[in-house]
Amino acid sequence: MMSLARAERKASRFVKDLDINDLYDQLDTLREYVQTLSQDVGKSASRQFGRARHAAAETAHDAEEVMKDNLAASLVLALGLGLVVGYFIRRGTE
């Protein structure tokens, strides 16, 4: 185990070699890097969100077109799903 005096000597050597201005410069550089990185990530996320929104809108439009083309089947399917959901809701409340 290290003695307290030895630890103090090592710490004092570290503090003597420490240049406060250099530390501030490194912190400024790090701050600029993090700011640039966060801006790049924000731009990338915005682009990806736009693409996902566009794909979801296209899919919804395609689904709407399919439902319009097959109106009778869509109505039967909606009625069937409604009956199944209603059955489970009623069964869960008993």
PDB file of N, CA and C in Angstrom:
ATOM      1  N   MET A   1       0.841  -1.174   0.000  1.00  0.00           N
ATOM      2  CA  MET A   1       0.000   0.000   0.000  1.00  0.00           C
ATOM      3  C   MET A   1       0.892   1.245   0.000  1.00  0.00           C
ATOM      4  N   MET A   2       0.454   2.260  -0.698  1.00  0.00           N
ATOM      5  CA  MET A   2       1.256   3.475  -0.848  1.00  0.00           C
ATOM      6  C   MET A   2       1.082   4.361   0.379  1.00  0.00           C
ATOM      7  N   SER A   3       2.172   4.914   0.838  1.00  0.00           N
ATOM      8  CA  SER A   3       2.087   5.799   2.002  1.00  0.00           C
ATOM      9  C   SER A   3       1.543   7.155   1.574  1.00  0.00           C
ATOM     10  N   LEU A   4       1.041   7.877   2.547  1.00  0.00           N
ATOM     11  CA  LEU A   4       0.456   9.187   2.273  1.00  0.00           C
ATOM     12  C   LEU A   4       1.501  10.155   1.745  1.00  0.00           C
ATOM     13  N   ALA A   5       2.719  10.122   2.295  1.00  0.00           N
ATOM     14  CA  ALA A   5       3.778  11.026   1.856  1.00  0.00           C
ATOM     15  C   ALA A   5       4.150  10.754   0.396  1.00  0.00           C
ATOM     16  N   ARG A   6       4.216   9.471   0.044  1.00  0.00           N
ATOM     17  CA  ARG A   6       4.566   9.112  -1.330  1.00  0.00           C
ATOM     18  C   ARG A   6       3.476   9.569  -2.295  1.00  0.00           C
ATOM     19  N   ALA A   7       2.227   9.409  -1.904  1.00  0.00           N
ATOM     20  CA  ALA A   7       1.120   9.863  -2.744  1.00  0.00           C
ATOM     21  C   ALA A   7       1.159  11.373  -2.920  1.00  0.00           C
ATOM     22  N   GLU A   8       1.471  12.094  -1.856  1.00  0.00           N
ATOM     23  CA  GLU A   8       1.560  13.559  -1.950  1.00  0.00           C
ATOM     24  C   GLU A   8       2.690  13.979  -2.881  1.00  0.00           C
ATOM     25  N   ARG A   9       3.814  13.268  -2.850  1.00  0.00           N
ATOM     26  CA  ARG A   9       4.936  13.594  -3.744  1.00  0.00           C
ATOM     27  C   ARG A   9       4.536  13.378  -5.203  1.00  0.00           C
ATOM     28  N   LYS A  10       3.861  12.275  -5.457  1.00  0.00           N
ATOM     29  CA  LYS A  10       3.431  12.012  -6.839  1.00  0.00           C
ATOM     30  C   LYS A  10       2.425  13.060  -7.305  1.00  0.00           C
ATOM     31  N   ALA A  11       1.495  13.431  -6.451  1.00  0.00           N
ATOM     32  CA  ALA A  11       0.500  14.435  -6.806  1.00  0.00           C
ATOM     33  C   ALA A  11       1.150  15.787  -7.038  1.00  0.00           C
ATOM     34  N   SER A  12       2.130  16.144  -6.209  1.00  0.00           N
ATOM     35  CA  SER A  12       2.773  17.450  -6.372  1.00  0.00           C
ATOM     36  C   SER A  12       3.566  17.503  -7.672  1.00  0.00           C
ATOM     37  N   ARG A  13       4.176  16.372  -8.088  1.00  0.00           N
ATOM     38  CA  ARG A  13       4.872  16.342  -9.376  1.00  0.00           C
ATOM     39  C   ARG A  13       3.887  16.535 -10.526  1.00  0.00           C
ATOM     40  N   PHE A  14       2.713  15.955 -10.417  1.00  0.00           N
ATOM     41  CA  PHE A  14       1.699  16.099 -11.453  1.00  0.00           C
ATOM     42  C   PHE A  14       1.232  17.542 -11.550  1.00  0.00           C
ATOM     43  N   VAL A  15       1.009  18.173 -10.411  1.00  0.00           N
ATOM     44  CA  VAL A  15       0.528  19.550 -10.391  1.00  0.00           C
ATOM     45  C   VAL A  15       1.597  20.502 -10.902  1.00  0.00           C
ATOM     46  N   LYS A  16       2.874  20.233 -10.614  1.00  0.00           N
ATOM     47  CA  LYS A  16       3.944  21.091 -11.108  1.00  0.00           C
ATOM     48  C   LYS A  16       4.036  21.039 -12.627  1.00  0.00           C
ATOM     49  N   ASP A  17       3.818  19.861 -13.190  1.00  0.00           N
ATOM     50  CA  ASP A  17       3.922  19.706 -14.640  1.00  0.00           C
ATOM     51  C   ASP A  17       2.673  20.196 -15.364  1.00  0.00           C
ATOM     52  N   LEU A  18       1.634  20.462 -14.627  1.00  0.00           N
ATOM     53  CA  LEU A  18       0.364  20.852 -15.222  1.00  0.00           C
ATOM     54  C   LEU A  18       0.394  22.316 -15.658  1.00  0.00           C
ATOM     55  N   ASP A  19       0.098  22.551 -16.907  1.00  0.00           N
ATOM     56  CA  ASP A  19       0.021  23.910 -17.431  1.00  0.00           C
ATOM     57  C   ASP A  19      -1.457  24.254 -17.588  1.00  0.00           C
ATOM     58  N   ILE A  20      -1.904  25.211 -16.803  1.00  0.00           N
ATOM     59  CA  ILE A  20      -3.330  25.557 -16.766  1.00  0.00           C
ATOM     60  C   ILE A  20      -3.804  26.063 -18.126  1.00  0.00           C
ATOM     61  N   ASN A  21      -3.010  26.842 -18.814  1.00  0.00           N
ATOM     62  CA  ASN A  21      -3.405  27.363 -20.127  1.00  0.00           C
ATOM     63  C   ASN A  21      -3.541  26.227 -21.143  1.00  0.00           C
ATOM     64  N   ASP A  22      -2.650  25.257 -21.065  1.00  0.00           N
ATOM     65  CA  ASP A  22      -2.738  24.107 -21.945  1.00  0.00           C
ATOM     66  C   ASP A  22      -4.020  23.324 -21.664  1.00  0.00           C
ATOM     67  N   LEU A  23      -4.351  23.208 -20.400  1.00  0.00           N
ATOM     68  CA  LEU A  23      -5.582  22.511 -20.016  1.00  0.00           C
ATOM     69  C   LEU A  23      -6.811  23.241 -20.578  1.00  0.00           C
ATOM     70  N   TYR A  24      -6.831  24.577 -20.478  1.00  0.00           N
ATOM     71  CA  TYR A  24      -7.940  25.350 -21.042  1.00  0.00           C
ATOM     72  C   TYR A  24      -8.019  25.184 -22.564  1.00  0.00           C
ATOM     73  N   ASP A  25      -6.864  25.164 -23.224  1.00  0.00           N
ATOM     74  CA  ASP A  25      -6.851  24.965 -24.675  1.00  0.00           C
ATOM     75  C   ASP A  25      -7.416  23.591 -25.044  1.00  0.00           C
ATOM     76  N   GLN A  26      -7.043  22.576 -24.282  1.00  0.00           N
ATOM     77  CA  GLN A  26      -7.555  21.231 -24.547  1.00  0.00           C
ATOM     78  C   GLN A  26      -9.064  21.166 -24.309  1.00  0.00           C
ATOM     79  N   LEU A  27      -9.529  21.840 -23.255  1.00  0.00           N
ATOM     80  CA  LEU A  27     -10.964  21.865 -22.987  1.00  0.00           C
ATOM     81  C   LEU A  27     -11.729  22.593 -24.096  1.00  0.00           C
ATOM     82  N   ASP A  28     -11.165  23.696 -24.596  1.00  0.00           N
ATOM     83  CA  ASP A  28     -11.807  24.411 -25.701  1.00  0.00           C
ATOM     84  C   ASP A  28     -11.867  23.541 -26.960  1.00  0.00           C
ATOM     85  N   THR A  29     -10.776  22.837 -27.238  1.00  0.00           N
ATOM     86  CA  THR A  29     -10.746  21.947 -28.390  1.00  0.00           C
ATOM     87  C   THR A  29     -11.776  20.837 -28.244  1.00  0.00           C
ATOM     88  N   LEU A  30     -11.850  20.279 -27.059  1.00  0.00           N
ATOM     89  CA  LEU A  30     -12.818  19.225 -26.795  1.00  0.00           C
ATOM     90  C   LEU A  30     -14.249  19.746 -26.927  1.00  0.00           C
ATOM     91  N   ARG A  31     -14.501  20.949 -26.426  1.00  0.00           N
ATOM     92  CA  ARG A  31     -15.824  21.548 -26.510  1.00  0.00           C
ATOM     93  C   ARG A  31     -16.216  21.761 -27.977  1.00  0.00           C
ATOM     94  N   GLU A  32     -15.293  22.256 -28.790  1.00  0.00           N
ATOM     95  CA  GLU A  32     -15.573  22.463 -30.212  1.00  0.00           C
ATOM     96  C   GLU A  32     -15.850  21.144 -30.912  1.00  0.00           C
ATOM     97  N   TYR A  33     -15.072  20.114 -30.565  1.00  0.00           N
ATOM     98  CA  TYR A  33     -15.270  18.799 -31.172  1.00  0.00           C
ATOM     99  C   TYR A  33     -16.645  18.239 -30.825  1.00  0.00           C
ATOM    100  N   VAL A  34     -17.036  18.338 -29.563  1.00  0.00           N
ATOM    101  CA  VAL A  34     -18.337  17.825 -29.137  1.00  0.00           C
ATOM    102  C   VAL A  34     -19.461  18.608 -29.806  1.00  0.00           C
ATOM    103  N   GLN A  35     -19.296  19.921 -29.940  1.00  0.00           N
ATOM    104  CA  GLN A  35     -20.315  20.738 -30.594  1.00  0.00           C
ATOM    105  C   GLN A  35     -20.458  20.340 -32.070  1.00  0.00           C
ATOM    106  N   THR A  36     -19.359  20.157 -32.758  1.00  0.00           N
ATOM    107  CA  THR A  36     -19.394  19.748 -34.158  1.00  0.00           C
ATOM    108  C   THR A  36     -20.026  18.369 -34.300  1.00  0.00           C
ATOM    109  N   LEU A  37     -19.631  17.471 -33.412  1.00  0.00           N
ATOM    110  CA  LEU A  37     -20.177  16.116 -33.448  1.00  0.00           C
ATOM    111  C   LEU A  37     -21.680  16.118 -33.207  1.00  0.00           C
ATOM    112  N   SER A  38     -22.151  16.915 -32.251  1.00  0.00           N
ATOM    113  CA  SER A  38     -23.586  16.952 -31.970  1.00  0.00           C
ATOM    114  C   SER A  38     -24.360  17.570 -33.139  1.00  0.00           C
ATOM    115  N   GLN A  39     -23.784  18.558 -33.803  1.00  0.00           N
ATOM    116  CA  GLN A  39     -24.447  19.139 -34.975  1.00  0.00           C
ATOM    117  C   GLN A  39     -24.545  18.126 -36.105  1.00  0.00           C
ATOM    118  N   ASP A  40     -23.462  17.368 -36.321  1.00  0.00           N
ATOM    119  CA  ASP A  40     -23.474  16.356 -37.376  1.00  0.00           C
ATOM    120  C   ASP A  40     -24.494  15.257 -37.075  1.00  0.00           C
ATOM    121  N   VAL A  41     -24.550  14.838 -35.829  1.00  0.00           N
ATOM    122  CA  VAL A  41     -25.519  13.808 -35.440  1.00  0.00           C
ATOM    123  C   VAL A  41     -26.938  14.342 -35.605  1.00  0.00           C
ATOM    124  N   GLY A  42     -27.167  15.593 -35.249  1.00  0.00           N
ATOM    125  CA  GLY A  42     -28.488  16.193 -35.407  1.00  0.00           C
ATOM    126  C   GLY A  42     -28.915  16.252 -36.864  1.00  0.00           C
ATOM    127  N   LYS A  43     -28.002  16.629 -37.736  1.00  0.00           N
ATOM    128  CA  LYS A  43     -28.317  16.689 -39.172  1.00  0.00           C
ATOM    129  C   LYS A  43     -28.628  15.298 -39.710  1.00  0.00           C
ATOM    130  N   SER A  44     -27.821  14.322 -39.307  1.00  0.00           N
ATOM    131  CA  SER A  44     -28.032  12.952 -39.767  1.00  0.00           C
ATOM    132  C   SER A  44     -29.367  12.410 -39.269  1.00  0.00           C
ATOM    133  N   ALA A  45     -29.685  12.667 -38.012  1.00  0.00           N
ATOM    134  CA  ALA A  45     -30.957  12.201 -37.452  1.00  0.00           C
ATOM    135  C   ALA A  45     -32.129  12.866 -38.164  1.00  0.00           C
ATOM    136  N   SER A  46     -31.987  14.132 -38.487  1.00  0.00           N
ATOM    137  CA  SER A  46     -33.052  14.843 -39.190  1.00  0.00           C
ATOM    138  C   SER A  46     -33.286  14.243 -40.575  1.00  0.00           C
ATOM    139  N   ARG A  47     -32.193  13.933 -41.281  1.00  0.00           N
ATOM    140  CA  ARG A  47     -32.335  13.312 -42.606  1.00  0.00           C
ATOM    141  C   ARG A  47     -32.992  11.936 -42.495  1.00  0.00           C
ATOM    142  N   GLN A  48     -32.564  11.144 -41.518  1.00  0.00           N
ATOM    143  CA  GLN A  48     -33.131   9.803 -41.351  1.00  0.00           C
ATOM    144  C   GLN A  48     -34.616   9.886 -40.978  1.00  0.00           C
ATOM    145  N   PHE A  49     -34.966  10.860 -40.141  1.00  0.00           N
ATOM    146  CA  PHE A  49     -36.361  11.043 -39.771  1.00  0.00           C
ATOM    147  C   PHE A  49     -37.194  11.414 -40.996  1.00  0.00           C
ATOM    148  N   GLY A  50     -36.651  12.269 -41.834  1.00  0.00           N
ATOM    149  CA  GLY A  50     -37.346  12.655 -43.068  1.00  0.00           C
ATOM    150  C   GLY A  50     -37.568  11.465 -43.980  1.00  0.00           C
ATOM    151  N   ARG A  51     -36.554  10.628 -44.103  1.00  0.00           N
ATOM    152  CA  ARG A  51     -36.694   9.432 -44.942  1.00  0.00           C
ATOM    153  C   ARG A  51     -37.739   8.483 -44.364  1.00  0.00           C
ATOM    154  N   ALA A  52     -37.705   8.284 -43.056  1.00  0.00           N
ATOM    155  CA  ALA A  52     -38.672   7.376 -42.411  1.00  0.00           C
ATOM    156  C   ALA A  52     -40.087   7.918 -42.551  1.00  0.00           C
ATOM    157  N   ARG A  53     -40.249   9.223 -42.378  1.00  0.00           N
ATOM    158  CA  ARG A  53     -41.571   9.833 -42.524  1.00  0.00           C
ATOM    159  C   ARG A  53     -42.086   9.666 -43.954  1.00  0.00           C
ATOM    160  N   HIS A  54     -41.199   9.854 -44.925  1.00  0.00           N
ATOM    161  CA  HIS A  54     -41.588   9.698 -46.329  1.00  0.00           C
ATOM    162  C   HIS A  54     -41.983   8.248 -46.618  1.00  0.00           C
ATOM    163  N   ALA A  55     -41.209   7.294 -46.103  1.00  0.00           N
ATOM    164  CA  ALA A  55     -41.528   5.879 -46.325  1.00  0.00           C
ATOM    165  C   ALA A  55     -42.850   5.507 -45.667  1.00  0.00           C
ATOM    166  N   ALA A  56     -43.103   6.024 -44.468  1.00  0.00           N
ATOM    167  CA  ALA A  56     -44.366   5.735 -43.777  1.00  0.00           C
ATOM    168  C   ALA A  56     -45.543   6.342 -44.537  1.00  0.00           C
ATOM    169  N   ALA A  57     -45.373   7.538 -45.069  1.00  0.00           N
ATOM    170  CA  ALA A  57     -46.448   8.178 -45.829  1.00  0.00           C
ATOM    171  C   ALA A  57     -46.739   7.398 -47.108  1.00  0.00           C
ATOM    172  N   GLU A  58     -45.690   6.925 -47.771  1.00  0.00           N
ATOM    173  CA  GLU A  58     -45.882   6.125 -48.978  1.00  0.00           C
ATOM    174  C   GLU A  58     -46.610   4.821 -48.666  1.00  0.00           C
ATOM    175  N   THR A  59     -46.210   4.178 -47.570  1.00  0.00           N
ATOM    176  CA  THR A  59     -46.841   2.917 -47.180  1.00  0.00           C
ATOM    177  C   THR A  59     -48.318   3.134 -46.844  1.00  0.00           C
ATOM    178  N   ALA A  60     -48.617   4.204 -46.124  1.00  0.00           N
ATOM    179  CA  ALA A  60     -50.009   4.507 -45.787  1.00  0.00           C
ATOM    180  C   ALA A  60     -50.818   4.786 -47.049  1.00  0.00           C
ATOM    181  N   HIS A  61     -50.221   5.506 -47.976  1.00  0.00           N
ATOM    182  CA  HIS A  61     -50.913   5.795 -49.240  1.00  0.00           C
ATOM    183  C   HIS A  61     -51.171   4.505 -50.016  1.00  0.00           C
ATOM    184  N   ASP A  62     -50.164   3.624 -50.076  1.00  0.00           N
ATOM    185  CA  ASP A  62     -50.329   2.347 -50.772  1.00  0.00           C
ATOM    186  C   ASP A  62     -51.414   1.496 -50.114  1.00  0.00           C
ATOM    187  N   ALA A  63     -51.422   1.471 -48.779  1.00  0.00           N
ATOM    188  CA  ALA A  63     -52.445   0.699 -48.056  1.00  0.00           C
ATOM    189  C   ALA A  63     -53.838   1.253 -48.344  1.00  0.00           C
ATOM    190  N   GLU A  64     -53.947   2.569 -48.404  1.00  0.00           N
ATOM    191  CA  GLU A  64     -55.235   3.193 -48.708  1.00  0.00           C
ATOM    192  C   GLU A  64     -55.698   2.827 -50.120  1.00  0.00           C
ATOM    193  N   GLU A  65     -54.774   2.812 -51.048  1.00  0.00           N
ATOM    194  CA  GLU A  65     -55.119   2.445 -52.424  1.00  0.00           C
ATOM    195  C   GLU A  65     -55.582   0.988 -52.506  1.00  0.00           C
ATOM    196  N   VAL A  66     -54.896   0.100 -51.785  1.00  0.00           N
ATOM    197  CA  VAL A  66     -55.276  -1.309 -51.793  1.00  0.00           C
ATOM    198  C   VAL A  66     -56.665  -1.475 -51.179  1.00  0.00           C
ATOM    199  N   MET A  67     -56.936  -0.747 -50.092  1.00  0.00           N
ATOM    200  CA  MET A  67     -58.253  -0.830 -49.460  1.00  0.00           C
ATOM    201  C   MET A  67     -59.348  -0.321 -50.405  1.00  0.00           C
ATOM    202  N   LYS A  68     -59.050   0.747 -51.144  1.00  0.00           N
ATOM    203  CA  LYS A  68     -60.039   1.272 -52.086  1.00  0.00           C
ATOM    204  C   LYS A  68     -60.297   0.278 -53.214  1.00  0.00           C
ATOM    205  N   ASP A  69     -59.234  -0.395 -53.663  1.00  0.00           N
ATOM    206  CA  ASP A  69     -59.383  -1.367 -54.740  1.00  0.00           C
ATOM    207  C   ASP A  69     -60.164  -2.598 -54.289  1.00  0.00           C
ATOM    208  N   ASN A  70     -60.035  -2.960 -53.019  1.00  0.00           N
ATOM    209  CA  ASN A  70     -60.691  -4.150 -52.479  1.00  0.00           C
ATOM    210  C   ASN A  70     -61.615  -3.734 -51.339  1.00  0.00           C
ATOM    211  N   LEU A  71     -62.587  -2.910 -51.648  1.00  0.00           N
ATOM    212  CA  LEU A  71     -63.450  -2.320 -50.632  1.00  0.00           C
ATOM    213  C   LEU A  71     -64.241  -3.376 -49.859  1.00  0.00           C
ATOM    214  N   ALA A  72     -64.803  -4.349 -50.532  1.00  0.00           N
ATOM    215  CA  ALA A  72     -65.615  -5.364 -49.852  1.00  0.00           C
ATOM    216  C   ALA A  72     -64.761  -6.181 -48.891  1.00  0.00           C
ATOM    217  N   ALA A  73     -63.588  -6.591 -49.331  1.00  0.00           N
ATOM    218  CA  ALA A  73     -62.702  -7.380 -48.470  1.00  0.00           C
ATOM    219  C   ALA A  73     -62.233  -6.541 -47.285  1.00  0.00           C
ATOM    220  N   SER A  74     -61.987  -5.261 -47.506  1.00  0.00           N
ATOM    221  CA  SER A  74     -61.554  -4.375 -46.419  1.00  0.00           C
ATOM    222  C   SER A  74     -62.639  -4.239 -45.362  1.00  0.00           C
ATOM    223  N   LEU A  75     -63.889  -4.097 -45.808  1.00  0.00           N
ATOM    224  CA  LEU A  75     -65.000  -3.969 -44.856  1.00  0.00           C
ATOM    225  C   LEU A  75     -65.199  -5.250 -44.056  1.00  0.00           C
ATOM    226  N   VAL A  76     -65.117  -6.396 -44.712  1.00  0.00           N
ATOM    227  CA  VAL A  76     -65.260  -7.680 -44.009  1.00  0.00           C
ATOM    228  C   VAL A  76     -64.128  -7.863 -43.014  1.00  0.00           C
ATOM    229  N   LEU A  77     -62.928  -7.522 -43.406  1.00  0.00           N
ATOM    230  CA  LEU A  77     -61.777  -7.633 -42.512  1.00  0.00           C
ATOM    231  C   LEU A  77     -61.923  -6.702 -41.308  1.00  0.00           C
ATOM    232  N   ALA A  78     -62.351  -5.471 -41.535  1.00  0.00           N
ATOM    233  CA  ALA A  78     -62.547  -4.526 -40.428  1.00  0.00           C
ATOM    234  C   ALA A  78     -63.642  -5.008 -39.494  1.00  0.00           C
ATOM    235  N   LEU A  79     -64.715  -5.539 -40.033  1.00  0.00           N
ATOM    236  CA  LEU A  79     -65.799  -6.068 -39.212  1.00  0.00           C
ATOM    237  C   LEU A  79     -65.315  -7.256 -38.380  1.00  0.00           C
ATOM    238  N   GLY A  80     -64.578  -8.148 -38.996  1.00  0.00           N
ATOM    239  CA  GLY A  80     -64.045  -9.313 -38.284  1.00  0.00           C
ATOM    240  C   GLY A  80     -63.099  -8.921 -37.169  1.00  0.00           C
ATOM    241  N   LEU A  81     -62.198  -7.996 -37.449  1.00  0.00           N
ATOM    242  CA  LEU A  81     -61.273  -7.536 -36.406  1.00  0.00           C
ATOM    243  C   LEU A  81     -62.023  -6.846 -35.275  1.00  0.00           C
ATOM    244  N   GLY A  82     -63.041  -6.086 -35.620  1.00  0.00           N
ATOM    245  CA  GLY A  82     -63.840  -5.421 -34.588  1.00  0.00           C
ATOM    246  C   GLY A  82     -64.536  -6.420 -33.690  1.00  0.00           C
ATOM    247  N   LEU A  83     -65.079  -7.483 -34.276  1.00  0.00           N
ATOM    248  CA  LEU A  83     -65.734  -8.519 -33.481  1.00  0.00           C
ATOM    249  C   LEU A  83     -64.747  -9.232 -32.554  1.00  0.00           C
ATOM    250  N   VAL A  84     -63.563  -9.532 -33.071  1.00  0.00           N
ATOM    251  CA  VAL A  84     -62.546 -10.218 -32.252  1.00  0.00           C
ATOM    252  C   VAL A  84     -62.083  -9.325 -31.104  1.00  0.00           C
ATOM    253  N   VAL A  85     -61.811  -8.084 -31.389  1.00  0.00           N
ATOM    254  CA  VAL A  85     -61.376  -7.156 -30.336  1.00  0.00           C
ATOM    255  C   VAL A  85     -62.489  -6.969 -29.315  1.00  0.00           C
ATOM    256  N   GLY A  86     -63.710  -6.813 -29.770  1.00  0.00           N
ATOM    257  CA  GLY A  86     -64.841  -6.670 -28.848  1.00  0.00           C
ATOM    258  C   GLY A  86     -65.018  -7.885 -27.967  1.00  0.00           C
ATOM    259  N   TYR A  87     -64.843  -9.076 -28.545  1.00  0.00           N
ATOM    260  CA  TYR A  87     -64.954 -10.312 -27.772  1.00  0.00           C
ATOM    261  C   TYR A  87     -63.909 -10.343 -26.657  1.00  0.00           C
ATOM    262  N   PHE A  88     -62.663 -10.017 -26.989  1.00  0.00           N
ATOM    263  CA  PHE A  88     -61.607 -10.044 -25.974  1.00  0.00           C
ATOM    264  C   PHE A  88     -61.790  -8.974 -24.918  1.00  0.00           C
ATOM    265  N   ILE A  89     -62.275  -7.813 -25.304  1.00  0.00           N
ATOM    266  CA  ILE A  89     -62.542  -6.757 -24.311  1.00  0.00           C
ATOM    267  C   ILE A  89     -63.655  -7.193 -23.366  1.00  0.00           C
ATOM    268  N   ARG A  90     -64.714  -7.746 -23.934  1.00  0.00           N
ATOM    269  CA  ARG A  90     -65.845  -8.198 -23.107  1.00  0.00           C
ATOM    270  C   ARG A  90     -65.407  -9.326 -22.194  1.00  0.00           C
ATOM    271  N   ARG A  91     -64.623 -10.248 -22.717  1.00  0.00           N
ATOM    272  CA  ARG A  91     -64.147 -11.379 -21.929  1.00  0.00           C
ATOM    273  C   ARG A  91     -63.211 -10.923 -20.796  1.00  0.00           C
ATOM    274  N   GLY A  92     -62.422  -9.898 -21.060  1.00  0.00           N
ATOM    275  CA  GLY A  92     -61.496  -9.393 -20.051  1.00  0.00           C
ATOM    276  C   GLY A  92     -62.195  -8.649 -18.916  1.00  0.00           C
ATOM    277  N   THR A  93     -63.387  -8.108 -19.147  1.00  0.00           N
ATOM    278  CA  THR A  93     -64.079  -7.346 -18.104  1.00  0.00           C
ATOM    279  C   THR A  93     -64.977  -8.230 -17.252  1.00  0.00           C
ATOM    280  N   GLU A  94     -65.179  -9.463 -17.643  1.00  0.00           N
ATOM    281  CA  GLU A  94     -66.050 -10.366 -16.859  1.00  0.00           C
ATOM    282  C   GLU A  94     -65.323 -10.970 -15.701  1.00  0.00           C
TER     283      GLU A  94
END
